[in-house]
N, C-alpha and C. Protein backbone atom coordinates (compact mmCIF):
# COMPACT_ATOMS: atom_id res chain seq x y z
N MET A 1 0.86 -1.25 0.02
CA MET A 1 -0.18 -0.11 -0.08
C MET A 1 1.20 1.44 0.09
N ASN A 2 0.78 2.01 -1.25
CA ASN A 2 1.56 3.26 -1.35
C ASN A 2 1.25 4.18 -0.01
N GLU A 3 1.58 5.33 -0.07
CA GLU A 3 1.48 6.61 1.03
C GLU A 3 0.36 7.00 0.41
N ASN A 4 -0.20 7.65 -0.73
CA ASN A 4 -1.25 8.19 -0.83
C ASN A 4 -2.51 7.02 0.09
N GLU A 5 -2.50 6.06 -0.70
CA GLU A 5 -3.53 4.65 0.05
C GLU A 5 -3.73 5.00 1.27
N ASN A 6 -2.44 4.93 2.37
CA ASN A 6 -2.21 5.08 2.96
C ASN A 6 -3.27 6.52 4.08
N TRP A 7 -2.61 7.01 3.32
CA TRP A 7 -4.16 8.43 3.74
C TRP A 7 -4.97 8.22 3.51
N LEU A 8 -5.41 7.73 2.30
CA LEU A 8 -6.83 7.20 2.15
C LEU A 8 -7.71 6.76 3.24
N ALA A 9 -6.59 5.61 3.59
CA ALA A 9 -7.27 5.02 4.38
C ALA A 9 -7.46 5.47 6.02
N LEU A 10 -6.49 6.41 5.95
CA LEU A 10 -6.33 6.96 7.38
C LEU A 10 -7.83 8.01 7.48
N LEU A 11 -7.87 8.65 6.45
CA LEU A 11 -9.18 9.74 6.44
C LEU A 11 -10.73 8.57 6.45
N ALA A 12 -10.35 7.72 5.89
CA ALA A 12 -12.06 7.27 5.84
C ALA A 12 -12.01 6.20 6.79
N LYS A 13 -11.36 6.19 7.74
CA LYS A 13 -11.58 5.87 9.46
C LYS A 13 -11.91 7.21 9.97
N GLU A 14 -11.33 8.18 10.06
CA GLU A 14 -11.93 9.53 10.76
C GLU A 14 -13.11 9.75 10.47
N VAL A 15 -13.37 9.43 8.78
CA VAL A 15 -15.23 10.09 8.82
C VAL A 15 -15.63 8.92 9.62
N ALA A 16 -15.27 7.94 9.19
CA ALA A 16 -16.15 6.60 10.09
C ALA A 16 -16.42 7.07 11.07
N ALA A 17 -15.07 7.02 12.07
CA ALA A 17 -15.58 7.53 13.31
C ALA A 17 -16.06 8.77 13.84
N SER A 18 -15.98 9.62 12.95
CA SER A 18 -16.78 10.69 12.89
C SER A 18 -18.51 10.61 13.07
N ILE A 19 -19.11 9.68 12.32
CA ILE A 19 -20.14 9.16 12.02
C ILE A 19 -20.98 8.22 13.01
N VAL A 20 -19.78 7.65 13.54
CA VAL A 20 -19.87 7.04 14.93
C VAL A 20 -20.63 7.54 15.93
N ARG A 21 -19.51 8.74 16.09
CA ARG A 21 -19.49 9.93 17.27
C ARG A 21 -20.71 10.57 17.22
N GLU A 22 -21.15 10.73 15.87
CA GLU A 22 -22.27 11.65 15.56
C GLU A 22 -23.64 10.54 16.17
N LEU A 23 -23.71 9.45 15.70
CA LEU A 23 -24.73 8.79 15.94
C LEU A 23 -25.14 8.58 17.40
N ASN A 24 -23.77 8.55 18.26
CA ASN A 24 -24.12 7.97 19.68
C ASN A 24 -24.94 9.60 20.51
N LEU A 25 -24.75 11.03 19.52
CA LEU A 25 -25.56 11.87 19.75
C LEU A 25 -27.10 11.48 19.98
N LEU A 26 -27.37 10.66 19.22
CA LEU A 26 -28.65 11.12 18.99
C LEU A 26 -29.63 10.22 20.02
N SER A 27 -30.72 10.70 20.17
CA SER A 27 -31.43 9.68 21.22
C SER A 27 -32.40 8.87 20.72
N LEU A 28 -31.70 7.66 20.05
CA LEU A 28 -32.42 6.37 19.52
C LEU A 28 -32.98 5.71 20.33
N ARG A 29 -34.20 4.84 19.94
CA ARG A 29 -34.86 4.18 21.38
C ARG A 29 -33.88 2.72 20.27
N GLU A 30 -34.97 1.76 21.53
CA GLU A 30 -34.19 0.39 20.73
C GLU A 30 -35.03 -0.32 19.71
N GLY A 31 -34.15 -0.78 19.20
CA GLY A 31 -34.65 -1.44 17.83
C GLY A 31 -35.34 0.25 16.63
N GLU A 32 -34.46 0.96 17.29
CA GLU A 32 -34.83 2.04 15.67
C GLU A 32 -33.53 2.15 15.33
N ASP A 33 -33.55 2.55 13.91
CA ASP A 33 -32.12 2.76 13.46
C ASP A 33 -32.24 4.12 12.44
N SER A 34 -31.07 4.88 12.08
CA SER A 34 -31.24 6.32 11.86
C SER A 34 -31.18 5.96 10.55
N VAL A 35 -32.06 6.61 9.38
CA VAL A 35 -31.80 6.39 8.18
C VAL A 35 -31.52 8.01 7.52
N LEU A 36 -31.53 8.90 8.26
CA LEU A 36 -31.16 10.02 7.50
C LEU A 36 -31.40 11.01 8.89
N VAL A 37 -29.81 11.85 8.68
CA VAL A 37 -29.23 12.92 9.78
C VAL A 37 -28.48 13.90 9.04
N PHE A 38 -29.42 15.67 9.36
CA PHE A 38 -28.75 16.23 8.71
C PHE A 38 -28.91 17.84 9.38
N ARG A 39 -28.66 18.62 9.01
CA ARG A 39 -28.28 20.19 10.05
C ARG A 39 -28.93 21.06 9.00
N MET A 40 -29.12 22.09 9.60
CA MET A 40 -29.18 23.27 8.29
C MET A 40 -28.02 23.43 7.82
N HIS A 41 -28.66 24.36 6.62
CA HIS A 41 -27.56 24.55 5.84
C HIS A 41 -26.19 25.11 6.28
N LEU A 42 -25.17 25.50 6.08
CA LEU A 42 -24.13 26.25 6.84
C LEU A 42 -24.53 27.69 6.42
N ILE A 43 -24.84 28.19 5.46
CA ILE A 43 -25.38 29.50 5.52
C ILE A 43 -25.66 30.07 6.51
N PHE A 44 -26.57 29.46 7.50
CA PHE A 44 -27.19 29.74 8.50
C PHE A 44 -26.15 30.73 9.53
N ILE A 45 -24.93 29.91 9.68
CA ILE A 45 -23.96 30.87 10.67
C ILE A 45 -23.71 31.95 9.57
N ILE A 46 -23.29 32.11 8.02
CA ILE A 46 -22.94 33.04 7.96
C ILE A 46 -24.52 34.78 7.95
N LEU A 47 -25.23 34.35 7.90
CA LEU A 47 -26.62 35.06 7.92
C LEU A 47 -26.64 35.83 9.25
N ARG A 48 -26.33 35.01 10.19
CA ARG A 48 -26.17 35.31 11.67
C ARG A 48 -25.15 35.98 11.90
N ILE A 49 -24.34 35.71 11.33
CA ILE A 49 -22.78 36.91 11.44
C ILE A 49 -22.75 37.96 11.00
N ALA A 50 -23.35 38.20 9.67
CA ALA A 50 -23.74 39.35 8.47
C ALA A 50 -23.68 40.48 8.81
N PRO A 51 -24.76 40.18 9.89
CA PRO A 51 -24.72 42.17 10.43
C PRO A 51 -23.93 42.82 10.95
N LEU A 52 -23.32 42.12 12.13
CA LEU A 52 -22.04 42.47 12.56
C LEU A 52 -20.69 42.39 11.89
N LEU A 53 -21.11 41.60 10.79
CA LEU A 53 -19.58 41.72 10.10
C LEU A 53 -19.31 43.16 9.65
N SER A 54 -20.62 43.12 8.94
CA SER A 54 -20.64 44.49 7.58
C SER A 54 -20.52 45.29 8.79
N GLY A 55 -20.73 45.76 9.84
CA GLY A 55 -20.35 46.51 10.68
C GLY A 55 -18.75 46.52 11.33
N VAL A 56 -18.06 45.58 11.47
CA VAL A 56 -16.85 45.78 11.64
C VAL A 56 -16.12 46.28 10.66
N LEU A 57 -16.68 45.67 9.71
CA LEU A 57 -15.79 45.63 8.25
C LEU A 57 -16.06 47.51 8.19
N LEU A 58 -17.64 48.16 7.92
CA LEU A 58 -17.44 49.54 7.69
C LEU A 58 -16.77 50.30 8.36
N LEU A 59 -16.59 50.07 9.89
CA LEU A 59 -15.92 51.10 10.91
C LEU A 59 -14.73 50.89 10.74
N SER A 60 -13.97 49.29 10.11
CA SER A 60 -12.51 49.07 9.82
C SER A 60 -12.04 49.93 8.59
N GLY A 61 -12.95 50.00 8.08
CA GLY A 61 -12.68 50.92 6.78
C GLY A 61 -12.63 52.34 7.07
N LEU A 62 -13.57 52.76 7.69
CA LEU A 62 -13.18 54.42 8.19
C LEU A 62 -12.27 54.51 9.20
N TRP A 63 -11.93 53.06 10.01
CA TRP A 63 -11.11 53.89 10.93
C TRP A 63 -9.45 54.03 9.95
N ILE A 64 -9.03 53.05 8.66
CA ILE A 64 -7.94 53.04 7.66
C ILE A 64 -8.28 54.53 6.84
N LEU A 65 -9.37 54.65 6.71
CA LEU A 65 -9.82 56.20 5.97
C LEU A 65 -9.10 57.42 6.62
N LEU A 66 -9.13 57.28 8.01
CA LEU A 66 -8.68 58.50 8.74
C LEU A 66 -7.20 58.44 8.75
N VAL A 67 -6.82 56.63 9.34
CA VAL A 67 -5.38 57.16 9.54
C VAL A 67 -4.64 57.40 8.42
N VAL A 68 -5.11 56.79 7.37
CA VAL A 68 -3.72 57.00 5.94
C VAL A 68 -4.59 58.27 5.07
N ILE A 69 -5.47 58.80 4.90
CA ILE A 69 -5.76 59.93 4.36
C ILE A 69 -5.48 61.01 5.07
N SER A 70 -5.94 60.91 6.19
CA SER A 70 -6.48 62.15 7.35
C SER A 70 -4.82 62.50 8.24
N GLY A 71 -4.60 61.26 8.17
CA GLY A 71 -3.24 61.04 8.90
C GLY A 71 -3.42 61.19 10.98
N ILE A 72 -4.63 61.00 10.84
CA ILE A 72 -4.72 61.01 12.69
C ILE A 72 -4.31 59.70 13.37
N LEU A 73 -3.19 59.76 13.90
CA LEU A 73 -2.76 58.27 14.20
C LEU A 73 -2.60 58.68 16.13
N TYR A 74 -1.90 59.85 16.54
CA TYR A 74 -1.94 60.36 17.69
C TYR A 74 -2.77 60.19 18.84
N PRO A 75 -1.98 59.25 19.97
CA PRO A 75 -3.05 59.14 20.98
C PRO A 75 -4.23 59.88 21.46
N GLY A 76 -4.02 61.11 21.11
CA GLY A 76 -4.60 62.29 21.77
C GLY A 76 -6.20 62.44 20.79
N ALA A 77 -6.13 61.64 19.90
CA ALA A 77 -7.58 61.85 18.69
C ALA A 77 -8.38 61.28 18.82
N VAL A 78 -9.24 62.00 19.46
CA VAL A 78 -10.68 61.25 20.13
C VAL A 78 -11.21 60.46 19.12
N ILE A 79 -11.70 60.68 17.75
CA ILE A 79 -12.04 60.26 17.03
C ILE A 79 -11.25 58.72 16.43
N TYR A 80 -10.11 59.08 16.92
CA TYR A 80 -9.49 57.45 16.69
C TYR A 80 -9.90 56.49 17.38
N LEU A 81 -9.65 57.44 18.88
CA LEU A 81 -9.69 56.14 19.99
C LEU A 81 -10.99 55.51 20.12
N LEU A 82 -11.94 56.71 19.74
CA LEU A 82 -13.39 56.02 19.70
C LEU A 82 -14.02 55.36 18.63
N LEU A 83 -13.09 55.17 17.57
CA LEU A 83 -13.43 54.34 16.38
C LEU A 83 -12.78 53.06 16.93
N THR A 84 -11.25 52.97 17.31
CA THR A 84 -10.50 51.76 18.18
C THR A 84 -11.02 51.33 18.95
N ALA A 85 -11.70 51.72 19.93
CA ALA A 85 -12.68 50.76 21.26
C ALA A 85 -14.12 50.26 20.02
N THR A 86 -14.75 51.01 18.96
CA THR A 86 -15.64 50.26 18.98
C THR A 86 -15.41 49.44 18.10
N ILE A 87 -14.39 49.15 17.20
CA ILE A 87 -14.17 48.27 16.55
C ILE A 87 -13.76 46.84 17.27
N LEU A 88 -13.24 47.22 18.60
CA LEU A 88 -12.28 46.13 19.20
C LEU A 88 -13.95 45.48 19.40
N VAL A 89 -15.07 46.32 20.22
CA VAL A 89 -16.03 45.73 20.87
C VAL A 89 -17.02 44.77 19.79
N GLY A 90 -16.72 45.62 18.76
CA GLY A 90 -17.63 44.94 17.94
C GLY A 90 -16.94 43.41 17.24
N PHE A 91 -15.48 43.87 17.60
CA PHE A 91 -15.10 42.28 16.61
C PHE A 91 -15.04 41.27 17.92
N VAL A 92 -15.26 42.04 19.23
CA VAL A 92 -15.26 40.56 20.27
C VAL A 92 -17.06 40.39 20.44
N ALA A 93 -17.69 40.75 20.05
CA ALA A 93 -18.96 40.90 19.88
C ALA A 93 -19.38 39.82 18.17
N LEU A 94 -18.21 39.80 17.28
CA LEU A 94 -18.55 39.21 15.76
C LEU A 94 -17.94 37.75 16.33
N VAL A 95 -16.99 37.69 17.40
CA VAL A 95 -16.29 36.65 17.66
C VAL A 95 -17.73 35.46 18.39
N LEU A 96 -18.37 36.30 19.66
CA LEU A 96 -19.24 35.79 20.28
C LEU A 96 -20.48 35.09 19.35
N GLN A 97 -20.91 36.17 18.58
CA GLN A 97 -21.98 35.84 17.63
C GLN A 97 -21.55 34.18 16.61
N LEU A 98 -20.55 34.54 16.23
CA LEU A 98 -19.84 33.58 15.59
C LEU A 98 -19.90 31.91 16.23
N VAL A 99 -19.34 32.05 17.49
CA VAL A 99 -19.36 30.78 17.98
C VAL A 99 -21.08 30.49 18.51
N ASN A 100 -21.95 31.43 19.18
CA ASN A 100 -23.21 31.47 19.76
C ASN A 100 -23.90 30.36 18.31
N ALA A 101 -23.62 30.93 16.88
CA ALA A 101 -24.12 30.59 15.72
C ALA A 101 -23.51 28.93 15.74
N SER A 102 -22.17 29.06 15.67
CA SER A 102 -22.06 27.67 15.50
C SER A 102 -22.53 26.57 16.50
N LEU A 103 -22.84 26.73 17.51
CA LEU A 103 -23.36 25.86 18.69
C LEU A 103 -24.86 25.72 18.21
N GLU A 104 -25.13 26.62 17.64
CA GLU A 104 -26.73 26.10 17.41
C GLU A 104 -26.86 25.90 16.15
N TRP A 105 -26.04 25.50 15.13
CA TRP A 105 -26.14 24.83 14.11
C TRP A 105 -25.53 23.28 14.37
N TRP A 106 -24.52 23.39 15.04
CA TRP A 106 -24.05 22.00 15.63
C TRP A 106 -24.65 20.67 16.30
N SER A 107 -25.55 21.58 17.49
CA SER A 107 -26.78 21.23 18.21
C SER A 107 -27.76 20.70 17.55
N THR A 108 -28.21 21.60 16.69
CA THR A 108 -29.61 21.12 16.28
C THR A 108 -29.63 20.57 14.99
N MET A 109 -30.13 18.76 15.50
CA MET A 109 -29.99 17.93 14.18
C MET A 109 -31.58 17.74 13.68
N TYR A 110 -31.60 17.25 12.42
CA TYR A 110 -33.07 17.02 11.82
C TYR A 110 -32.45 15.21 11.75
N VAL A 111 -33.62 14.57 12.24
CA VAL A 111 -33.23 13.58 12.40
C VAL A 111 -34.66 12.12 11.89
N VAL A 112 -34.18 11.23 10.56
CA VAL A 112 -35.32 10.51 10.06
C VAL A 112 -34.72 9.08 10.98
N THR A 113 -36.00 8.20 10.83
CA THR A 113 -35.44 7.15 11.40
C THR A 113 -36.38 5.89 10.86
N ASN A 114 -36.37 4.62 11.17
CA ASN A 114 -37.54 4.00 10.54
C ASN A 114 -38.59 3.98 11.10
N LYS A 115 -38.75 4.83 12.28
CA LYS A 115 -39.77 4.82 12.81
C LYS A 115 -40.80 6.03 13.31
N ARG A 116 -39.79 6.86 13.46
CA ARG A 116 -40.20 8.48 13.90
C ARG A 116 -39.20 9.48 13.07
N ILE A 117 -39.97 10.38 12.90
CA ILE A 117 -38.81 12.05 12.46
C ILE A 117 -39.09 12.68 13.98
N PHE A 118 -37.51 13.22 13.69
CA PHE A 118 -37.18 13.84 15.33
C PHE A 118 -36.44 15.39 14.97
N ILE A 119 -36.74 16.83 15.72
CA ILE A 119 -35.49 17.34 15.66
C ILE A 119 -34.75 17.31 17.24
N GLN A 120 -33.51 17.63 17.65
CA GLN A 120 -32.97 17.29 18.74
C GLN A 120 -32.15 18.59 18.79
N THR A 121 -32.17 19.64 19.52
CA THR A 121 -31.16 20.34 19.75
C THR A 121 -31.18 20.58 21.36
N GLY A 122 -29.92 21.65 21.47
CA GLY A 122 -29.07 21.20 22.87
C GLY A 122 -28.28 20.34 23.18
N ILE A 123 -27.15 21.02 23.64
CA ILE A 123 -26.21 20.30 24.03
C ILE A 123 -25.82 19.64 25.23
N ILE A 124 -26.01 20.41 26.37
CA ILE A 124 -25.78 20.08 27.81
C ILE A 124 -27.52 19.01 28.12
N LYS A 125 -28.87 19.62 28.00
CA LYS A 125 -30.13 19.83 27.68
C LYS A 125 -30.60 19.22 26.91
N GLN A 126 -31.01 18.67 26.24
CA GLN A 126 -31.41 18.04 25.09
C GLN A 126 -32.77 17.98 24.90
N GLN A 127 -33.68 18.74 24.13
CA GLN A 127 -35.29 18.57 23.73
C GLN A 127 -35.22 17.84 22.41
N ILE A 128 -36.27 17.34 22.28
CA ILE A 128 -37.08 16.68 21.13
C ILE A 128 -38.02 17.29 20.67
N ASN A 129 -38.72 17.57 19.64
CA ASN A 129 -39.98 17.81 18.92
C ASN A 129 -39.71 16.56 18.37
N GLU A 130 -40.69 15.39 18.54
CA GLU A 130 -41.40 14.12 17.41
C GLU A 130 -42.62 14.27 16.90
N ALA A 131 -42.10 13.38 15.83
CA ALA A 131 -43.85 12.56 15.19
C ALA A 131 -43.73 11.68 14.53
N MET A 132 -44.13 10.16 14.82
CA MET A 132 -44.31 8.84 14.48
C MET A 132 -44.48 8.73 12.90
N LEU A 133 -44.03 8.24 12.35
CA LEU A 133 -43.81 7.91 10.79
C LEU A 133 -45.65 7.79 10.75
N SER A 134 -45.61 6.78 11.10
CA SER A 134 -46.95 6.12 11.14
C SER A 134 -48.45 7.11 11.33
N LYS A 135 -48.18 8.70 11.69
CA LYS A 135 -49.33 9.45 12.23
C LYS A 135 -49.15 10.88 11.22
N ILE A 136 -47.84 10.67 10.12
CA ILE A 136 -47.49 11.91 9.30
C ILE A 136 -48.77 11.83 8.77
N GLN A 137 -49.31 12.98 7.73
CA GLN A 137 -50.08 12.72 6.97
C GLN A 137 -50.03 13.45 5.70
N ASP A 138 -49.11 14.33 5.54
CA ASP A 138 -48.40 15.37 4.48
C ASP A 138 -47.36 16.01 4.66
N ILE A 139 -46.51 16.06 3.82
CA ILE A 139 -45.05 16.64 3.70
C ILE A 139 -45.08 17.63 2.46
N SER A 140 -44.54 18.50 2.94
CA SER A 140 -44.09 19.89 1.90
C SER A 140 -42.98 20.78 2.17
N TYR A 141 -42.50 21.44 1.03
CA TYR A 141 -41.38 22.15 1.09
C TYR A 141 -41.98 23.43 0.87
N GLU A 142 -41.00 24.63 0.92
CA GLU A 142 -41.08 26.08 0.46
C GLU A 142 -39.53 26.22 0.53
N ARG A 143 -39.44 27.40 -0.69
CA ARG A 143 -38.28 28.25 -0.75
C ARG A 143 -38.73 29.63 -0.53
N ILE A 144 -38.13 30.64 0.23
CA ILE A 144 -38.16 31.68 0.21
C ILE A 144 -37.59 32.61 -0.07
N GLY A 145 -37.80 33.42 -1.20
CA GLY A 145 -36.50 34.36 -2.13
C GLY A 145 -35.87 34.05 -3.01
N PHE A 146 -35.00 34.44 -3.71
CA PHE A 146 -33.58 34.28 -4.79
C PHE A 146 -32.28 33.41 -3.94
N LEU A 147 -32.19 33.56 -2.48
CA LEU A 147 -31.02 33.09 -2.11
C LEU A 147 -31.51 31.57 -1.87
N ASP A 148 -32.70 31.63 -1.41
CA ASP A 148 -32.94 30.23 -1.05
C ASP A 148 -33.22 29.05 -2.25
N THR A 149 -33.47 30.11 -3.22
CA THR A 149 -33.43 29.45 -4.81
C THR A 149 -32.32 28.98 -5.11
N LEU A 150 -31.26 30.38 -4.90
CA LEU A 150 -29.87 30.03 -5.52
C LEU A 150 -28.71 28.76 -4.75
N LEU A 151 -29.26 28.60 -3.03
CA LEU A 151 -29.00 27.50 -2.37
C LEU A 151 -29.32 26.60 -2.61
N GLU A 152 -30.25 26.28 -2.84
CA GLU A 152 -31.24 25.02 -3.07
C GLU A 152 -31.18 25.04 -1.54
N ARG A 153 -32.01 25.66 -0.81
CA ARG A 153 -32.05 25.84 0.51
C ARG A 153 -33.70 26.32 0.96
N GLY A 154 -34.19 25.34 1.95
CA GLY A 154 -35.94 25.35 1.86
C GLY A 154 -36.30 25.03 2.95
N ASN A 155 -37.38 24.97 3.70
CA ASN A 155 -37.98 24.03 4.56
C ASN A 155 -38.99 23.12 4.50
N VAL A 156 -38.90 22.58 5.43
CA VAL A 156 -39.46 21.36 4.76
C VAL A 156 -40.59 20.95 6.25
N THR A 157 -41.94 20.92 6.08
CA THR A 157 -42.95 20.93 6.61
C THR A 157 -44.05 20.07 7.05
N ILE A 158 -43.87 19.17 8.06
CA ILE A 158 -44.54 17.48 8.09
C ILE A 158 -45.80 18.22 9.10
N GLU A 159 -46.75 17.90 8.41
CA GLU A 159 -47.86 17.71 9.06
C GLU A 159 -48.44 16.38 9.66
N THR A 160 -48.89 16.35 10.54
CA THR A 160 -49.33 15.05 11.57
C THR A 160 -50.69 14.99 11.82
N ALA A 161 -51.24 13.77 12.20
CA ALA A 161 -52.53 13.23 12.29
C ALA A 161 -53.18 14.05 13.52
N SER A 162 -52.03 14.43 14.33
CA SER A 162 -52.41 14.78 15.79
C SER A 162 -52.42 16.75 15.87
N PHE A 163 -52.29 17.19 14.35
CA PHE A 163 -52.37 18.31 14.51
C PHE A 163 -51.31 19.06 15.12
N ASN A 164 -49.83 18.46 15.12
CA ASN A 164 -48.59 18.84 15.19
C ASN A 164 -47.51 18.83 13.76
N ARG A 165 -47.06 20.31 14.08
CA ARG A 165 -46.25 20.40 13.05
C ARG A 165 -45.03 20.78 12.98
N ILE A 166 -44.09 19.90 12.17
CA ILE A 166 -42.70 19.98 12.28
C ILE A 166 -42.02 20.34 11.37
N VAL A 167 -41.26 21.72 11.66
CA VAL A 167 -40.54 22.07 10.81
C VAL A 167 -38.94 21.92 10.53
N PHE A 168 -38.10 21.60 9.11
CA PHE A 168 -36.99 21.60 8.98
C PHE A 168 -36.48 22.23 8.45
N LYS A 169 -35.70 23.53 9.45
CA LYS A 169 -35.61 24.71 8.89
C LYS A 169 -34.29 24.95 8.30
N ALA A 170 -34.42 25.54 6.76
CA ALA A 170 -33.35 26.43 6.35
C ALA A 170 -32.45 24.80 5.93
N VAL A 171 -32.58 23.62 5.28
CA VAL A 171 -31.82 22.69 4.80
C VAL A 171 -31.67 22.77 3.74
N ALA A 172 -30.66 21.92 2.96
CA ALA A 172 -30.51 21.86 1.80
C ALA A 172 -30.86 21.01 1.13
N ASN A 173 -30.92 21.31 0.26
CA ASN A 173 -32.07 20.50 -1.33
C ASN A 173 -33.46 19.66 -0.75
N ALA A 174 -34.18 20.81 -0.27
CA ALA A 174 -35.24 20.46 0.77
C ALA A 174 -36.11 19.37 -0.08
N PRO A 175 -35.96 19.51 -1.59
CA PRO A 175 -36.93 18.64 -2.12
C PRO A 175 -36.39 17.09 -2.07
N ALA A 176 -35.31 16.77 -1.40
CA ALA A 176 -34.55 15.70 -1.49
C ALA A 176 -34.75 15.17 -0.18
N VAL A 177 -34.63 16.07 0.58
CA VAL A 177 -35.38 15.61 1.63
C VAL A 177 -36.62 15.23 2.00
N ARG A 178 -37.54 15.82 1.06
CA ARG A 178 -38.97 15.50 1.67
C ARG A 178 -39.28 13.86 0.58
N ASP A 179 -38.79 14.02 -0.26
CA ASP A 179 -38.59 12.58 -1.14
C ASP A 179 -38.64 11.38 -0.30
N ARG A 180 -36.92 11.93 0.48
CA ARG A 180 -36.54 10.56 1.16
C ARG A 180 -37.20 9.97 2.36
N ILE A 181 -38.28 11.08 3.22
CA ILE A 181 -38.86 10.93 4.01
C ILE A 181 -40.36 10.08 3.51
N SER A 182 -41.04 10.49 1.82
CA SER A 182 -41.99 9.70 1.94
C SER A 182 -41.96 8.72 1.24
N ARG A 183 -40.22 8.00 0.79
CA ARG A 183 -40.22 6.89 0.77
C ARG A 183 -40.03 5.83 1.60
N GLU A 184 -39.33 6.61 3.25
CA GLU A 184 -39.32 5.99 4.42
C GLU A 184 -41.59 5.56 4.77
N LEU A 185 -42.06 6.33 3.99
CA LEU A 185 -43.60 6.69 4.33
C LEU A 185 -44.31 5.31 4.13
N ARG A 186 -44.09 5.34 2.50
CA ARG A 186 -44.65 4.58 1.99
C ARG A 186 -44.97 2.98 2.62
N PRO A 187 -44.08 1.94 2.78
CA PRO A 187 -44.38 1.07 3.42
C PRO A 187 -45.17 1.07 4.82
N ILE A 188 -45.19 1.85 5.44
CA ILE A 188 -45.63 1.95 6.34
C ILE A 188 -47.30 2.75 6.43
N GLN A 189 -47.66 3.62 5.65
CA GLN A 189 -49.18 4.07 4.93
C GLN A 189 -49.44 2.58 3.67
N THR A 190 -48.73 2.06 3.46
CA THR A 190 -49.26 0.13 2.48
C THR A 190 -50.11 -0.37 3.76
N GLN A 191 -49.31 -0.59 4.77
CA GLN A 191 -49.39 -1.13 6.08
C GLN A 191 -50.73 -1.13 6.81
N ILE A 192 -50.82 0.58 6.84
CA ILE A 192 -51.87 0.82 7.40
C ILE A 192 -53.01 0.89 6.83
N GLN A 193 -53.26 0.91 5.10
CA GLN A 193 -53.96 0.91 4.23
C GLN A 193 -54.95 -0.74 4.68
N ARG A 194 -53.56 -1.47 4.46
CA ARG A 194 -53.97 -3.04 4.62
C ARG A 194 -55.03 -3.21 6.02
N GLN A 195 -54.21 -2.61 6.96
CA GLN A 195 -55.25 -3.07 8.18
C GLN A 195 -56.54 -2.46 8.18
N GLU A 196 -56.47 -0.99 7.42
CA GLU A 196 -58.42 -0.41 7.34
C GLU A 196 -58.72 -1.17 6.78
N ILE A 197 -58.44 -1.86 5.16
CA ILE A 197 -59.17 -3.10 4.76
C ILE A 197 -59.62 -3.75 5.16
N GLU A 198 -58.86 -4.51 5.77
CA GLU A 198 -59.72 -5.77 6.84
C GLU A 198 -59.94 -5.62 7.79
N ALA A 199 -60.05 -4.13 8.65
CA ALA A 199 -60.89 -3.53 9.36
C ALA A 199 -62.61 -3.85 8.97
N GLU A 200 -62.54 -2.94 7.92
CA GLU A 200 -63.89 -2.74 7.32
C GLU A 200 -64.65 -4.31 6.59
N LEU A 201 -63.25 -4.97 6.36
CA LEU A 201 -64.05 -6.13 5.79
C LEU A 201 -64.36 -7.02 7.31
N ARG A 202 -63.93 -7.16 8.30
CA ARG A 202 -64.08 -7.75 9.32
C ARG A 202 -65.27 -7.30 10.09
N LYS A 203 -65.78 -6.07 9.99
CA LYS A 203 -66.90 -5.04 9.61
C LYS A 203 -67.99 -5.69 9.31
N ARG A 204 -68.19 -5.48 7.85
CA ARG A 204 -68.82 -6.21 6.87
C ARG A 204 -69.63 -7.68 7.54
N LEU A 205 -68.27 -8.61 7.49
CA LEU A 205 -68.74 -9.91 7.48
C LEU A 205 -69.28 -10.20 9.19
N GLY A 206 -68.98 -9.19 10.25
CA GLY A 206 -69.31 -9.10 11.71
C GLY A 206 -68.63 -9.79 12.33
N LEU A 207 -67.06 -10.35 12.00
CA LEU A 207 -66.15 -11.22 12.73
C LEU A 207 -65.69 -9.99 14.10
């Protein structure tokens, strides 16, 4: 085995280990297997930090303009000091927002199993919003605006018989996610229809 093959083998093992660690984070029940595990589109993080990032860049540009063009560089320059302090505060806020958005993205998992779908959120204290596959009545998706269309991002909405609505927000390739859930539903829906037909026949036959 050459060096490239060794590298690829190590990389494959790391990916496999990462997947196993990921699955260990899921709140799966006995006899339940995960079919699809995914998160929000990565653009979620960028959109969360965009306002602060724009502000920091704007103030930094103004700072450079004052320093380079106006020559205001001595410590007594009030405008220079205020801009510097504001940029520093803005940078700290930007880093905190980035960490917060990254943790929210990482800790929010959308899961489809062979028995149910659920949204799992939280790191220390996990919260789960779930629906059994047998209770699902309708699955739809929507894209809002040009950015969603460009990035193939959208919301997948699952309606259940108990009037519970589960929304997988800002997922990549929303139509594919909807189709995958629909494929998992088909055998369950077929079984439910068979049971309903059998129940109706027994009722008519007086059994």
